């Protein structure tokens, strides 16, 4: 079973290493994007709350 996960061919090992590195980069980029989106949502919620209070809706 391990033979399927870690090939003995150096070229396959290199390809797997590159794939893993690119997947890690993509994962990090997605996490950063999600974090930035969450910050933007929080900013917009704050603006909305202020607008609601300023207009006397609550």
N, C-alpha and C. Protein backbone atom coordinates (compact mmCIF):
# COMPACT_ATOMS: atom_id res chain seq x y z
N UNK A 1 0.82 -1.19 0.00
CA UNK A 1 0.00 0.00 0.00
C UNK A 1 0.87 1.26 0.00
N UNK A 2 1.95 1.25 0.73
CA UNK A 2 2.83 2.40 0.76
C UNK A 2 3.43 2.68 -0.60
N UNK A 3 3.63 1.64 -1.39
CA UNK A 3 4.22 1.81 -2.72
C UNK A 3 3.35 2.71 -3.59
N UNK A 4 2.05 2.70 -3.38
CA UNK A 4 1.17 3.56 -4.16
C UNK A 4 1.26 5.01 -3.73
N UNK A 5 1.59 5.23 -2.49
CA UNK A 5 1.65 6.59 -1.96
C UNK A 5 3.02 7.22 -2.24
N UNK A 6 4.09 6.46 -2.01
CA UNK A 6 5.44 6.98 -2.20
C UNK A 6 6.14 6.14 -3.26
N UNK A 7 6.19 6.61 -4.48
CA UNK A 7 6.83 5.84 -5.54
C UNK A 7 8.35 5.84 -5.38
N UNK A 8 8.99 4.81 -5.89
CA UNK A 8 10.45 4.73 -5.80
C UNK A 8 11.12 5.49 -6.94
N UNK A 9 10.38 5.84 -7.95
CA UNK A 9 10.92 6.57 -9.10
C UNK A 9 11.20 8.02 -8.69
N UNK A 10 12.45 8.47 -8.81
CA UNK A 10 12.78 9.84 -8.40
C UNK A 10 11.97 10.91 -9.13
N UNK A 11 11.66 10.69 -10.39
CA UNK A 11 10.87 11.67 -11.14
C UNK A 11 9.45 11.77 -10.57
N UNK A 12 8.87 10.62 -10.22
CA UNK A 12 7.54 10.63 -9.62
C UNK A 12 7.57 11.31 -8.25
N UNK A 13 8.64 11.05 -7.50
CA UNK A 13 8.78 11.71 -6.19
C UNK A 13 8.85 13.22 -6.36
N UNK A 14 9.60 13.67 -7.35
CA UNK A 14 9.72 15.10 -7.61
C UNK A 14 8.37 15.70 -8.00
N UNK A 15 7.64 15.00 -8.84
CA UNK A 15 6.32 15.49 -9.25
C UNK A 15 5.37 15.56 -8.07
N UNK A 16 5.42 14.52 -7.22
CA UNK A 16 4.55 14.54 -6.03
C UNK A 16 4.92 15.69 -5.10
N UNK A 17 6.22 15.93 -4.94
CA UNK A 17 6.67 17.02 -4.08
C UNK A 17 6.17 18.36 -4.62
N UNK A 18 6.25 18.55 -5.94
CA UNK A 18 5.76 19.79 -6.54
C UNK A 18 4.25 19.93 -6.37
N UNK A 19 3.54 18.82 -6.55
CA UNK A 19 2.09 18.85 -6.38
C UNK A 19 1.72 19.21 -4.94
N UNK A 20 2.39 18.59 -3.98
CA UNK A 20 2.12 18.88 -2.57
C UNK A 20 2.41 20.34 -2.27
N UNK A 21 3.53 20.85 -2.78
CA UNK A 21 3.87 22.26 -2.55
C UNK A 21 2.82 23.18 -3.15
N UNK A 22 2.36 22.87 -4.35
CA UNK A 22 1.35 23.74 -4.97
C UNK A 22 0.02 23.66 -4.23
N UNK A 23 -0.32 22.48 -3.72
CA UNK A 23 -1.55 22.35 -2.95
C UNK A 23 -1.46 23.13 -1.64
N UNK A 24 -0.29 23.11 -1.01
CA UNK A 24 -0.10 23.89 0.21
C UNK A 24 -0.24 25.38 -0.07
N UNK A 25 0.37 25.83 -1.18
CA UNK A 25 0.25 27.24 -1.57
C UNK A 25 -1.21 27.62 -1.81
N UNK A 26 -1.91 26.76 -2.53
CA UNK A 26 -3.32 27.03 -2.82
C UNK A 26 -4.14 27.08 -1.54
N UNK A 27 -3.86 26.17 -0.62
CA UNK A 27 -4.56 26.14 0.66
C UNK A 27 -4.30 27.42 1.44
N UNK A 28 -3.04 27.86 1.47
CA UNK A 28 -2.70 29.09 2.19
C UNK A 28 -3.41 30.28 1.55
N UNK A 29 -3.41 30.34 0.22
CA UNK A 29 -4.08 31.44 -0.47
C UNK A 29 -5.58 31.46 -0.18
N UNK A 30 -6.19 30.28 -0.14
CA UNK A 30 -7.62 30.21 0.18
C UNK A 30 -7.89 30.69 1.60
N UNK A 31 -7.03 30.29 2.53
CA UNK A 31 -7.21 30.73 3.92
C UNK A 31 -7.09 32.24 4.04
N UNK A 32 -6.11 32.81 3.33
CA UNK A 32 -5.94 34.27 3.35
C UNK A 32 -7.16 34.94 2.74
N UNK A 33 -7.64 34.41 1.63
CA UNK A 33 -8.82 34.97 0.98
C UNK A 33 -10.04 34.92 1.87
N UNK A 34 -10.22 33.81 2.57
CA UNK A 34 -11.35 33.67 3.49
C UNK A 34 -11.22 34.66 4.63
N UNK A 35 -10.02 34.81 5.14
CA UNK A 35 -9.79 35.76 6.24
C UNK A 35 -10.09 37.19 5.80
N UNK A 36 -9.63 37.55 4.61
CA UNK A 36 -9.91 38.89 4.09
C UNK A 36 -11.40 39.10 3.87
N UNK A 37 -12.09 38.08 3.37
CA UNK A 37 -13.53 38.17 3.16
C UNK A 37 -14.25 38.36 4.50
N UNK A 38 -13.83 37.60 5.50
CA UNK A 38 -14.46 37.72 6.82
C UNK A 38 -14.26 39.12 7.41
N UNK A 39 -13.06 39.68 7.22
CA UNK A 39 -12.81 41.04 7.70
C UNK A 39 -13.72 42.03 6.98
N UNK A 40 -13.87 41.87 5.69
CA UNK A 40 -14.74 42.77 4.91
C UNK A 40 -16.19 42.65 5.36
N UNK A 41 -16.64 41.44 5.61
CA UNK A 41 -18.01 41.23 6.10
C UNK A 41 -18.20 41.95 7.43
N UNK A 42 -17.21 41.83 8.33
CA UNK A 42 -17.31 42.49 9.63
C UNK A 42 -17.38 44.01 9.46
N UNK A 43 -16.58 44.55 8.54
CA UNK A 43 -16.62 45.99 8.27
C UNK A 43 -18.00 46.42 7.77
N UNK A 44 -18.55 45.66 6.84
CA UNK A 44 -19.86 46.00 6.29
C UNK A 44 -20.96 45.87 7.33
N UNK A 45 -20.86 44.87 8.20
CA UNK A 45 -21.86 44.73 9.27
C UNK A 45 -21.80 45.93 10.21
N UNK A 46 -20.60 46.39 10.50
CA UNK A 46 -20.45 47.56 11.36
C UNK A 46 -21.08 48.79 10.71
N UNK A 47 -20.81 48.98 9.42
CA UNK A 47 -21.42 50.11 8.69
C UNK A 47 -22.94 50.01 8.69
N UNK A 48 -23.45 48.82 8.47
CA UNK A 48 -24.90 48.62 8.45
C UNK A 48 -25.50 48.93 9.82
N UNK A 49 -24.87 48.44 10.88
CA UNK A 49 -25.36 48.73 12.23
C UNK A 49 -25.39 50.24 12.48
N UNK A 50 -24.33 50.94 12.05
CA UNK A 50 -24.28 52.39 12.24
C UNK A 50 -25.39 53.07 11.45
N UNK A 51 -25.62 52.62 10.22
CA UNK A 51 -26.69 53.22 9.41
C UNK A 51 -28.05 53.00 10.05
N UNK A 52 -28.27 51.82 10.60
CA UNK A 52 -29.55 51.51 11.24
C UNK A 52 -29.76 52.41 12.45
N UNK A 53 -28.70 52.58 13.24
CA UNK A 53 -28.81 53.43 14.43
C UNK A 53 -29.01 54.89 14.03
N UNK A 54 -28.22 55.36 13.04
CA UNK A 54 -28.32 56.76 12.60
C UNK A 54 -29.70 57.10 12.05
N UNK A 55 -30.33 56.16 11.41
CA UNK A 55 -31.65 56.42 10.81
C UNK A 55 -32.79 56.13 11.78
N UNK A 56 -32.44 55.67 12.97
CA UNK A 56 -33.44 55.45 14.00
C UNK A 56 -34.33 54.25 13.80
N UNK A 57 -33.81 53.23 13.14
CA UNK A 57 -34.62 52.03 12.91
C UNK A 57 -34.65 51.09 14.12
N UNK A 58 -33.86 51.40 15.14
CA UNK A 58 -33.93 50.53 16.32
C UNK A 58 -34.07 51.35 17.58
